[in-house]
C-alpha atoms as a PDB file:
ATOM      1  CA  MET A   1     -39.753  15.420  32.688  1.00  0.00           C
ATOM      2  CA  SER A   2     -39.475  18.133  30.088  1.00  0.00           C
ATOM      3  CA  ASP A   3     -41.794  17.964  27.076  1.00  0.00           C
ATOM      4  CA  ALA A   4     -39.501  20.111  24.954  1.00  0.00           C
ATOM      5  CA  ARG A   5     -39.120  18.796  21.435  1.00  0.00           C
ATOM      6  CA  GLU A   6     -36.176  18.993  19.105  1.00  0.00           C
ATOM      7  CA  LEU A   7     -36.533  21.944  16.776  1.00  0.00           C
ATOM      8  CA  PRO A   8     -36.335  21.331  13.026  1.00  0.00           C
ATOM      9  CA  PRO A   9     -33.082  22.424  11.384  1.00  0.00           C
ATOM     10  CA  SER A  10     -32.904  26.061  10.412  1.00  0.00           C
ATOM     11  CA  ALA A  11     -32.453  27.283   6.868  1.00  0.00           C
ATOM     12  CA  ASP A  12     -28.831  28.172   7.646  1.00  0.00           C
ATOM     13  CA  GLU A  13     -28.176  24.663   8.986  1.00  0.00           C
ATOM     14  CA  ILE A  14     -29.710  23.093   5.877  1.00  0.00           C
ATOM     15  CA  ARG A  15     -27.622  25.312   3.602  1.00  0.00           C
ATOM     16  CA  GLY A  16     -24.526  24.474   5.642  1.00  0.00           C
ATOM     17  CA  LYS A  17     -25.106  20.731   5.249  1.00  0.00           C
ATOM     18  CA  ARG A  18     -25.713  21.110   1.525  1.00  0.00           C
ATOM     19  CA  SER A  19     -22.567  23.183   1.177  1.00  0.00           C
ATOM     20  CA  GLU A  20     -20.545  20.557   3.081  1.00  0.00           C
ATOM     21  CA  LEU A  21     -21.968  17.773   0.902  1.00  0.00           C
ATOM     22  CA  GLY A  22     -21.172  19.787  -2.221  1.00  0.00           C
ATOM     23  CA  ALA A  23     -17.604  20.348  -1.071  1.00  0.00           C
ATOM     24  CA  ARG A  24     -17.274  16.652  -0.233  1.00  0.00           C
ATOM     25  CA  VAL A  25     -18.552  15.558  -3.643  1.00  0.00           C
ATOM     26  CA  GLY A  26     -16.414  18.111  -5.489  1.00  0.00           C
ATOM     27  CA  ALA A  27     -13.212  17.264  -3.632  1.00  0.00           C
ATOM     28  CA  GLY A  28     -13.919  13.550  -3.976  1.00  0.00           C
ATOM     29  CA  ALA A  29     -14.402  13.868  -7.735  1.00  0.00           C
ATOM     30  CA  VAL A  30     -11.118  15.757  -8.179  1.00  0.00           C
ATOM     31  CA  MET A  31      -9.173  13.302  -6.013  1.00  0.00           C
ATOM     32  CA  GLY A  32     -10.763  10.319  -7.718  1.00  0.00           C
ATOM     33  CA  LEU A  33      -9.944  11.610 -11.196  1.00  0.00           C
ATOM     34  CA  ALA A  34      -6.350  12.361 -10.192  1.00  0.00           C
ATOM     35  CA  ALA A  35      -5.942   8.882  -8.702  1.00  0.00           C
ATOM     36  CA  ILE A  36      -7.378   7.183 -11.788  1.00  0.00           C
ATOM     37  CA  LEU A  37      -5.159   9.191 -14.137  1.00  0.00           C
ATOM     38  CA  ALA A  38      -2.083   8.348 -12.063  1.00  0.00           C
ATOM     39  CA  ALA A  39      -3.074   4.677 -12.161  1.00  0.00           C
ATOM     40  CA  TRP A  40      -3.581   4.844 -15.927  1.00  0.00           C
ATOM     41  CA  PHE A  41      -0.093   6.249 -16.561  1.00  0.00           C
ATOM     42  CA  GLY A  42       1.513   4.012 -13.926  1.00  0.00           C
ATOM     43  CA  GLY A  43       5.270   3.943 -13.512  1.00  0.00           C
ATOM     44  CA  PHE A  44       7.043   6.842 -11.857  1.00  0.00           C
ATOM     45  CA  LEU A  45       3.990   9.120 -11.956  1.00  0.00           C
ATOM     46  CA  PHE A  46       1.909   6.601 -10.022  1.00  0.00           C
ATOM     47  CA  ILE A  47       4.635   6.093  -7.421  1.00  0.00           C
ATOM     48  CA  LEU A  48       5.094   9.863  -7.085  1.00  0.00           C
ATOM     49  CA  PHE A  49       1.336  10.349  -6.599  1.00  0.00           C
ATOM     50  CA  TRP A  50       1.210   7.851  -3.742  1.00  0.00           C
ATOM     51  CA  ALA A  51       4.502   9.023  -2.266  1.00  0.00           C
ATOM     52  CA  LEU A  52       3.007  12.522  -1.945  1.00  0.00           C
ATOM     53  CA  ALA A  53      -0.114  11.010  -0.380  1.00  0.00           C
ATOM     54  CA  ALA A  54       2.073   9.066   2.069  1.00  0.00           C
ATOM     55  CA  MET A  55       3.938  12.261   2.949  1.00  0.00           C
ATOM     56  CA  ALA A  56       0.654  14.052   3.634  1.00  0.00           C
ATOM     57  CA  VAL A  57      -0.487  11.173   5.849  1.00  0.00           C
ATOM     58  CA  TRP A  58       2.803  11.274   7.783  1.00  0.00           C
ATOM     59  CA  TRP A  59       2.500  15.031   8.306  1.00  0.00           C
ATOM     60  CA  GLU A  60      -1.085  14.632   9.541  1.00  0.00           C
ATOM     61  CA  TRP A  61      -0.110  11.709  11.773  1.00  0.00           C
ATOM     62  CA  LEU A  62       2.435  13.878  13.584  1.00  0.00           C
ATOM     63  CA  GLY A  63      -0.257  16.495  14.156  1.00  0.00           C
ATOM     64  CA  VAL A  64      -2.720  13.959  15.522  1.00  0.00           C
ATOM     65  CA  MET A  65      -0.084  12.515  17.857  1.00  0.00           C
ATOM     66  CA  LYS A  66       1.059  15.981  19.019  1.00  0.00           C
ATOM     67  CA  ALA A  67       4.518  14.438  18.911  1.00  0.00           C
ATOM     68  CA  GLY A  68       6.489  17.687  18.952  1.00  0.00           C
ATOM     69  CA  GLN A  69       9.641  18.383  16.908  1.00  0.00           C
ATOM     70  CA  ARG A  70       7.405  18.360  13.853  1.00  0.00           C
ATOM     71  CA  PRO A  71       9.905  19.910  11.380  1.00  0.00           C
ATOM     72  CA  LEU A  72      12.600  17.358  12.283  1.00  0.00           C
ATOM     73  CA  LEU A  73      10.234  14.389  12.191  1.00  0.00           C
ATOM     74  CA  THR A  74       8.644  15.637   8.978  1.00  0.00           C
ATOM     75  CA  GLY A  75      12.106  15.605   7.418  1.00  0.00           C
ATOM     76  CA  VAL A  76      12.790  12.076   8.659  1.00  0.00           C
ATOM     77  CA  GLY A  77       9.529  10.926   7.122  1.00  0.00           C
ATOM     78  CA  ALA A  78      10.233  12.716   3.839  1.00  0.00           C
ATOM     79  CA  VAL A  79      13.624  11.029   3.478  1.00  0.00           C
ATOM     80  CA  THR A  80      12.119   7.647   4.368  1.00  0.00           C
ATOM     81  CA  ILE A  81       9.253   7.976   1.905  1.00  0.00           C
ATOM     82  CA  ALA A  82      11.593   9.177  -0.849  1.00  0.00           C
ATOM     83  CA  SER A  83      13.785   6.155  -0.191  1.00  0.00           C
ATOM     84  CA  MET A  84      10.793   3.818  -0.368  1.00  0.00           C
ATOM     85  CA  ALA A  85       9.603   5.429  -3.603  1.00  0.00           C
ATOM     86  CA  THR A  86      13.073   5.116  -5.156  1.00  0.00           C
ATOM     87  CA  ALA A  87      13.251   1.447  -4.238  1.00  0.00           C
ATOM     88  CA  LEU A  88       9.799   0.782  -5.690  1.00  0.00           C
ATOM     89  CA  ALA A  89      10.628   2.652  -8.895  1.00  0.00           C
ATOM     90  CA  ALA A  90      13.773   0.528  -9.213  1.00  0.00           C
ATOM     91  CA  GLY A  91      11.723  -2.657  -8.826  1.00  0.00           C
ATOM     92  CA  THR A  92      13.199  -3.608  -5.446  1.00  0.00           C
ATOM     93  CA  PRO A  93      10.274  -3.601  -3.005  1.00  0.00           C
ATOM     94  CA  ALA A  94      12.321  -5.408  -0.362  1.00  0.00           C
ATOM     95  CA  PHE A  95      14.443  -2.275   0.003  1.00  0.00           C
ATOM     96  CA  ALA A  96      11.257  -0.252   0.444  1.00  0.00           C
ATOM     97  CA  PHE A  97      10.358  -2.376   3.467  1.00  0.00           C
ATOM     98  CA  VAL A  98      13.907  -2.013   4.816  1.00  0.00           C
ATOM     99  CA  SER A  99      13.651   1.765   4.368  1.00  0.00           C
ATOM    100  CA  ALA A 100      10.426   1.767   6.402  1.00  0.00           C
ATOM    101  CA  LEU A 101      12.120  -0.167   9.216  1.00  0.00           C
ATOM    102  CA  ILE A 102      15.115   2.154   9.296  1.00  0.00           C
ATOM    103  CA  GLY A 103      12.915   5.252   9.054  1.00  0.00           C
ATOM    104  CA  ALA A 104      10.736   4.087  11.934  1.00  0.00           C
ATOM    105  CA  ALA A 105      13.794   3.471  14.098  1.00  0.00           C
ATOM    106  CA  VAL A 106      15.247   6.905  13.319  1.00  0.00           C
ATOM    107  CA  ALA A 107      11.903   8.645  13.899  1.00  0.00           C
ATOM    108  CA  MET A 108      11.456   6.914  17.256  1.00  0.00           C
ATOM    109  CA  SER A 109      14.940   7.905  18.381  1.00  0.00           C
ATOM    110  CA  ALA A 110      14.359  11.525  17.299  1.00  0.00           C
ATOM    111  CA  ALA A 111      10.954  11.858  18.967  1.00  0.00           C
ATOM    112  CA  GLN A 112      10.792  13.251  22.475  1.00  0.00           C
ATOM    113  CA  ARG A 113       7.363  11.773  23.235  1.00  0.00           C
ATOM    114  CA  GLN A 114       4.838   9.332  21.758  1.00  0.00           C
ATOM    115  CA  ARG A 115       7.784   7.352  20.379  1.00  0.00           C
ATOM    116  CA  ILE A 116       5.872   4.132  19.725  1.00  0.00           C
ATOM    117  CA  TRP A 117       3.121   6.036  17.942  1.00  0.00           C
ATOM    118  CA  VAL A 118       5.654   8.008  15.906  1.00  0.00           C
ATOM    119  CA  GLY A 119       7.303   4.781  14.762  1.00  0.00           C
ATOM    120  CA  ALA A 120       3.909   3.298  13.915  1.00  0.00           C
ATOM    121  CA  GLY A 121       3.199   6.364  11.804  1.00  0.00           C
ATOM    122  CA  ILE A 122       6.085   5.535   9.453  1.00  0.00           C
ATOM    123  CA  PHE A 123       4.584   2.110   8.822  1.00  0.00           C
ATOM    124  CA  TYR A 124       1.112   3.628   8.405  1.00  0.00           C
ATOM    125  CA  ALA A 125       2.467   5.998   5.748  1.00  0.00           C
ATOM    126  CA  ALA A 126       4.320   3.084   4.119  1.00  0.00           C
ATOM    127  CA  LEU A 127       1.009   1.266   3.726  1.00  0.00           C
ATOM    128  CA  VAL A 128      -0.243   4.160   1.631  1.00  0.00           C
ATOM    129  CA  LEU A 129       2.617   3.722  -0.844  1.00  0.00           C
ATOM    130  CA  ILE A 130       4.028   0.192  -0.932  1.00  0.00           C
ATOM    131  CA  PRO A 131       0.955  -2.042  -1.526  1.00  0.00           C
ATOM    132  CA  ALA A 132      -0.489   0.218  -4.243  1.00  0.00           C
ATOM    133  CA  ALA A 133       2.853   0.472  -6.039  1.00  0.00           C
ATOM    134  CA  MET A 134       3.459  -3.275  -5.950  1.00  0.00           C
ATOM    135  CA  LEU A 135      -0.041  -4.082  -7.194  1.00  0.00           C
ATOM    136  CA  ARG A 136       0.172  -1.560 -10.054  1.00  0.00           C
ATOM    137  CA  GLU A 137       3.533  -2.833 -11.278  1.00  0.00           C
ATOM    138  CA  HIS A 138       2.126  -5.623 -13.489  1.00  0.00           C
ATOM    139  CA  SER A 139       2.029  -4.416 -17.106  1.00  0.00           C
ATOM    140  CA  THR A 140      -1.352  -5.888 -18.052  1.00  0.00           C
ATOM    141  CA  LEU A 141      -3.279  -6.456 -14.815  1.00  0.00           C
ATOM    142  CA  GLY A 142      -1.866  -3.683 -12.635  1.00  0.00           C
ATOM    143  CA  PHE A 143      -4.239  -0.976 -13.828  1.00  0.00           C
ATOM    144  CA  VAL A 144      -7.265  -3.280 -13.559  1.00  0.00           C
ATOM    145  CA  THR A 145      -6.239  -4.262 -10.040  1.00  0.00           C
ATOM    146  CA  ILE A 146      -6.049  -0.647  -8.899  1.00  0.00           C
ATOM    147  CA  LEU A 147      -9.384   0.195 -10.559  1.00  0.00           C
ATOM    148  CA  TRP A 148     -10.954  -2.822  -8.853  1.00  0.00           C
ATOM    149  CA  LEU A 149      -9.665  -1.621  -5.493  1.00  0.00           C
ATOM    150  CA  PHE A 150     -10.865   1.928  -6.133  1.00  0.00           C
ATOM    151  CA  ALA A 151     -14.316   0.718  -7.154  1.00  0.00           C
ATOM    152  CA  ALA A 152     -14.748  -1.630  -4.208  1.00  0.00           C
ATOM    153  CA  VAL A 153     -13.524   0.842  -1.583  1.00  0.00           C
ATOM    154  CA  TRP A 154     -15.162   3.984  -2.973  1.00  0.00           C
ATOM    155  CA  ALA A 155     -18.500   2.290  -3.597  1.00  0.00           C
ATOM    156  CA  SER A 156     -18.393   0.733  -0.136  1.00  0.00           C
ATOM    157  CA  ASP A 157     -17.744   4.127   1.437  1.00  0.00           C
ATOM    158  CA  THR A 158     -20.522   5.818  -0.535  1.00  0.00           C
ATOM    159  CA  GLY A 159     -22.967   2.961  -0.038  1.00  0.00           C
ATOM    160  CA  ALA A 160     -22.334   2.917   3.709  1.00  0.00           C
ATOM    161  CA  TYR A 161     -22.945   6.676   3.931  1.00  0.00           C
ATOM    162  CA  PHE A 162     -26.307   6.606   2.152  1.00  0.00           C
ATOM    163  CA  ALA A 163     -27.525   3.280   3.583  1.00  0.00           C
ATOM    164  CA  GLY A 164     -26.694   4.422   7.099  1.00  0.00           C
ATOM    165  CA  ARG A 165     -28.570   7.687   6.625  1.00  0.00           C
ATOM    166  CA  ALA A 166     -31.546   5.963   5.014  1.00  0.00           C
ATOM    167  CA  PHE A 167     -32.010   3.025   7.387  1.00  0.00           C
ATOM    168  CA  GLY A 168     -30.172   3.913  10.612  1.00  0.00           C
ATOM    169  CA  GLY A 169     -30.549   1.218  13.234  1.00  0.00           C
ATOM    170  CA  PRO A 170     -28.059  -0.387  15.615  1.00  0.00           C
ATOM    171  CA  LYS A 171     -24.619   1.151  15.845  1.00  0.00           C
ATOM    172  CA  LEU A 172     -21.662  -0.773  14.430  1.00  0.00           C
ATOM    173  CA  ALA A 173     -19.045   0.315  16.967  1.00  0.00           C
ATOM    174  CA  PRO A 174     -20.462   3.128  19.118  1.00  0.00           C
ATOM    175  CA  ALA A 175     -17.410   3.338  21.373  1.00  0.00           C
ATOM    176  CA  VAL A 176     -15.186   4.015  18.371  1.00  0.00           C
ATOM    177  CA  SER A 177     -17.374   5.728  15.765  1.00  0.00           C
ATOM    178  CA  PRO A 178     -20.866   6.670  17.000  1.00  0.00           C
ATOM    179  CA  ASN A 179     -22.228   7.490  13.540  1.00  0.00           C
ATOM    180  CA  LYS A 180     -21.547   4.143  11.861  1.00  0.00           C
ATOM    181  CA  THR A 181     -24.384   1.614  11.731  1.00  0.00           C
ATOM    182  CA  TRP A 182     -24.774  -2.020  10.787  1.00  0.00           C
ATOM    183  CA  SER A 183     -27.122  -0.988   7.991  1.00  0.00           C
ATOM    184  CA  GLY A 184     -24.398   1.257   6.619  1.00  0.00           C
ATOM    185  CA  ALA A 185     -21.811  -1.529   6.818  1.00  0.00           C
ATOM    186  CA  LEU A 186     -24.099  -3.984   5.027  1.00  0.00           C
ATOM    187  CA  GLY A 187     -25.174  -1.436   2.417  1.00  0.00           C
ATOM    188  CA  GLY A 188     -21.566  -0.482   1.833  1.00  0.00           C
ATOM    189  CA  THR A 189     -20.521  -4.119   1.468  1.00  0.00           C
ATOM    190  CA  LEU A 190     -23.225  -4.747  -1.131  1.00  0.00           C
ATOM    191  CA  ALA A 191     -22.351  -1.619  -3.104  1.00  0.00           C
ATOM    192  CA  GLY A 192     -18.643  -2.424  -2.980  1.00  0.00           C
ATOM    193  CA  MET A 193     -19.194  -6.008  -4.126  1.00  0.00           C
ATOM    194  CA  ILE A 194     -21.267  -4.889  -7.099  1.00  0.00           C
ATOM    195  CA  ALA A 195     -18.818  -2.167  -8.138  1.00  0.00           C
ATOM    196  CA  GLY A 196     -15.700  -4.286  -7.697  1.00  0.00           C
ATOM    197  CA  LEU A 197     -17.028  -7.291  -9.576  1.00  0.00           C
ATOM    198  CA  PHE A 198     -18.377  -5.048 -12.334  1.00  0.00           C
ATOM    199  CA  VAL A 199     -14.874  -3.664 -12.947  1.00  0.00           C
ATOM    200  CA  LEU A 200     -13.469  -7.171 -13.281  1.00  0.00           C
ATOM    201  CA  LEU A 201     -16.213  -8.248 -15.687  1.00  0.00           C
ATOM    202  CA  ALA A 202     -15.863  -5.045 -17.725  1.00  0.00           C
ATOM    203  CA  ALA A 203     -12.109  -5.669 -17.980  1.00  0.00           C
ATOM    204  CA  GLY A 204     -12.743  -9.152 -19.378  1.00  0.00           C
ATOM    205  CA  ILE A 205     -11.346 -11.018 -16.374  1.00  0.00           C
ATOM    206  CA  ALA A 206     -12.549 -14.628 -16.423  1.00  0.00           C
ATOM    207  CA  TRP A 207     -14.942 -15.126 -13.501  1.00  0.00           C
ATOM    208  CA  HIS A 208     -13.827 -17.203 -10.532  1.00  0.00           C
ATOM    209  CA  PRO A 209     -15.521 -17.544  -7.098  1.00  0.00           C
ATOM    210  CA  MET A 210     -12.326 -16.298  -5.455  1.00  0.00           C
ATOM    211  CA  HIS A 211     -12.968 -12.899  -7.025  1.00  0.00           C
ATOM    212  CA  ALA A 212     -16.074 -12.583  -4.856  1.00  0.00           C
ATOM    213  CA  VAL A 213     -14.109 -13.753  -1.812  1.00  0.00           C
ATOM    214  CA  THR A 214     -11.255 -11.309  -2.297  1.00  0.00           C
ATOM    215  CA  THR A 215     -13.625  -8.445  -3.099  1.00  0.00           C
ATOM    216  CA  PHE A 216     -15.551  -9.132   0.094  1.00  0.00           C
ATOM    217  CA  LEU A 217     -12.360  -9.321   2.155  1.00  0.00           C
ATOM    218  CA  VAL A 218     -10.923  -6.055   0.843  1.00  0.00           C
ATOM    219  CA  ILE A 219     -14.230  -4.318   1.598  1.00  0.00           C
ATOM    220  CA  VAL A 220     -14.242  -5.669   5.156  1.00  0.00           C
ATOM    221  CA  ALA A 221     -10.609  -4.570   5.487  1.00  0.00           C
ATOM    222  CA  ALA A 222     -11.536  -1.085   4.268  1.00  0.00           C
ATOM    223  CA  GLN A 223     -14.295  -0.808   6.857  1.00  0.00           C
ATOM    224  CA  LEU A 224     -11.960  -2.011   9.604  1.00  0.00           C
ATOM    225  CA  GLY A 225      -9.331   0.472   8.444  1.00  0.00           C
ATOM    226  CA  ASP A 226     -11.903   3.224   8.755  1.00  0.00           C
ATOM    227  CA  LEU A 227     -12.731   2.112  12.289  1.00  0.00           C
ATOM    228  CA  LEU A 228      -9.039   1.904  13.200  1.00  0.00           C
ATOM    229  CA  GLU A 229      -8.456   5.483  12.134  1.00  0.00           C
ATOM    230  CA  SER A 230     -11.581   6.582  14.046  1.00  0.00           C
ATOM    231  CA  TRP A 231     -10.192   4.861  17.147  1.00  0.00           C
ATOM    232  CA  ILE A 232      -6.825   6.591  16.728  1.00  0.00           C
ATOM    233  CA  LYS A 233      -8.475  10.007  16.394  1.00  0.00           C
ATOM    234  CA  ARG A 234     -10.658   9.331  19.424  1.00  0.00           C
ATOM    235  CA  ARG A 235      -7.594   8.157  21.343  1.00  0.00           C
ATOM    236  CA  PHE A 236      -5.933  11.524  20.710  1.00  0.00           C
ATOM    237  CA  ALA A 237      -9.145  13.594  20.898  1.00  0.00           C
ATOM    238  CA  VAL A 238      -9.164  15.001  17.374  1.00  0.00           C
ATOM    239  CA  LYS A 239     -12.083  15.186  14.942  1.00  0.00           C
ATOM    240  CA  ASP A 240     -10.184  15.240  11.638  1.00  0.00           C
ATOM    241  CA  ALA A 241      -6.583  14.470  10.775  1.00  0.00           C
ATOM    242  CA  SER A 242      -6.370  17.903   9.137  1.00  0.00           C
ATOM    243  CA  GLY A 243      -8.384  20.289   6.991  1.00  0.00           C
ATOM    244  CA  LEU A 244      -6.506  19.677   3.749  1.00  0.00           C
ATOM    245  CA  LEU A 245      -9.478  18.190   1.873  1.00  0.00           C
ATOM    246  CA  PRO A 246     -12.779  20.147   1.914  1.00  0.00           C
ATOM    247  CA  GLY A 247     -15.619  17.994   3.222  1.00  0.00           C
ATOM    248  CA  HIS A 248     -13.301  15.054   3.931  1.00  0.00           C
ATOM    249  CA  GLY A 249     -10.943  16.287   6.649  1.00  0.00           C
ATOM    250  CA  GLY A 250      -7.439  15.118   5.883  1.00  0.00           C
ATOM    251  CA  VAL A 251      -5.705  12.755   3.488  1.00  0.00           C
ATOM    252  CA  MET A 252      -5.436  10.281   6.344  1.00  0.00           C
ATOM    253  CA  ASP A 253      -9.225  10.426   6.751  1.00  0.00           C
ATOM    254  CA  ARG A 254      -9.699   9.755   3.040  1.00  0.00           C
ATOM    255  CA  LEU A 255      -7.232   6.873   2.696  1.00  0.00           C
ATOM    256  CA  ASP A 256      -7.858   4.944   5.918  1.00  0.00           C
ATOM    257  CA  GLY A 257      -9.972   2.321   4.190  1.00  0.00           C
ATOM    258  CA  PHE A 258      -7.979   2.136   0.973  1.00  0.00           C
ATOM    259  CA  LEU A 259      -4.639   1.417   2.623  1.00  0.00           C
ATOM    260  CA  ALA A 260      -6.140  -1.447   4.634  1.00  0.00           C
ATOM    261  CA  ALA A 261      -7.835  -2.855   1.525  1.00  0.00           C
ATOM    262  CA  ALA A 262      -4.637  -2.550  -0.528  1.00  0.00           C
ATOM    263  CA  LEU A 263      -2.656  -4.349   2.186  1.00  0.00           C
ATOM    264  CA  VAL A 264      -5.071  -7.293   2.223  1.00  0.00           C
ATOM    265  CA  ALA A 265      -5.071  -7.402  -1.588  1.00  0.00           C
ATOM    266  CA  LEU A 266      -1.272  -7.403  -1.632  1.00  0.00           C
ATOM    267  CA  VAL A 267      -1.071 -10.244   0.903  1.00  0.00           C
ATOM    268  CA  PHE A 268      -3.370 -12.373  -1.241  1.00  0.00           C
ATOM    269  CA  GLY A 269      -1.498 -11.419  -4.396  1.00  0.00           C
ATOM    270  CA  LEU A 270       1.890 -12.264  -2.897  1.00  0.00           C
ATOM    271  CA  ALA A 271       0.630 -15.600  -1.614  1.00  0.00           C
ATOM    272  CA  ALA A 272      -0.709 -16.587  -5.029  1.00  0.00           C
ATOM    273  CA  GLY A 273       1.611 -14.815  -7.458  1.00  0.00           C
ATOM    274  CA  GLY A 274       4.813 -14.066  -5.585  1.00  0.00           C
ATOM    275  CA  VAL A 275       6.731 -10.812  -5.355  1.00  0.00           C
ATOM    276  CA  GLN A 276       7.081 -10.490  -9.121  1.00  0.00           C
ATOM    277  CA  ALA A 277       3.356 -10.686  -9.950  1.00  0.00           C
ATOM    278  CA  PRO A 278       1.020  -9.956  -7.004  1.00  0.00           C
ATOM    279  CA  ALA A 279      -1.629  -8.459  -9.311  1.00  0.00           C
ATOM    280  CA  MET A 280      -1.689 -11.613 -11.432  1.00  0.00           C
ATOM    281  CA  GLY A 281      -1.859 -13.771  -8.314  1.00  0.00           C
ATOM    282  CA  LEU A 282      -4.786 -11.713  -7.083  1.00  0.00           C
ATOM    283  CA  LEU A 283      -6.912 -11.734 -10.260  1.00  0.00           C
ATOM    284  CA  SER A 284      -5.839 -14.837 -12.227  1.00  0.00           C
ATOM    285  CA  TRP A 285      -7.356 -17.867 -10.546  1.00  0.00           C
END
C-alpha cells in the first residue's frame, strides 16, 4: 500500500478557485438584478426576458443532445417560443400550451436523431417561460410571487453550496451528482424557507401555515430539478450545458431548479385560484 499523501493545493489552484467563485458571484448578481427588474416592470418586458431565457435553454438543449440539424431545430424552437410569448402577452395561456405541443411535434419530425429528447426539449424550454409568466400576471400579487420564488430558490441554492462545503457527509445522489450531500440539501432547505417566508412577511402577506408548506415544496422541487438536469447531462456525458454564464455554465444550468419550482407553484396556484389568478391562489389562503 502506498503511503503517498494528497498534496495541498498550489497557489495557482487557490487563485483559480477564487477567480471562479468571483466570476460566479459577479454573474449571479448581474442575472439576479436583471431578473428582479424584469419582474418589477412585468408585462411584455417580463415575458420577453423569460422568452429569451427559454430560447437560450432550447439552444443549449440541442447542444447537449447532439441532435444535429441545429440551425433548423433552433429556428423551430424560436418560432415556438415566440408563439408562446405572444399568447401569454395576449392573456391566452391555453394557446401557449398548444404552441408547445405543436412545436414539439414539428421539432420531433424535423430531427434526424434523438427525436424523443428533442421533443422533450421544447417542453423543458416552455417550463422556463409559461409558469413564470402566468404567476407574474396578477396585478398586485404577481411581483411578490416571483420575488418569493426567487428568494426561496436562490437562497436554497446558495445555502446548499455553503452547507455542503462546510459539513460534507453522506452523498445525496452519488450516481447522478457526486458533489451533492444531504447536509447541503438540508442547509439549502432551511435557507430557502427563511428567505421565502421573509419575502412574504416583508410584503405584508397575512401568515398562513400553507405558506410554509408551499415554500417547502417549491424548494424540494428546485432541488429535484437540479438533480434532473444533472442526470440529463450525465446521460449525454457533458459537464455544462454551455459556457454562456461565467462560473455557472449555461442558462440551463442556472434555471434547472427555478423552472421546477415555478411549475409546482403554478400547479398549486391553478388548483386554488384558477387560470385567471394563480398567484392569488398560491398566496391568499
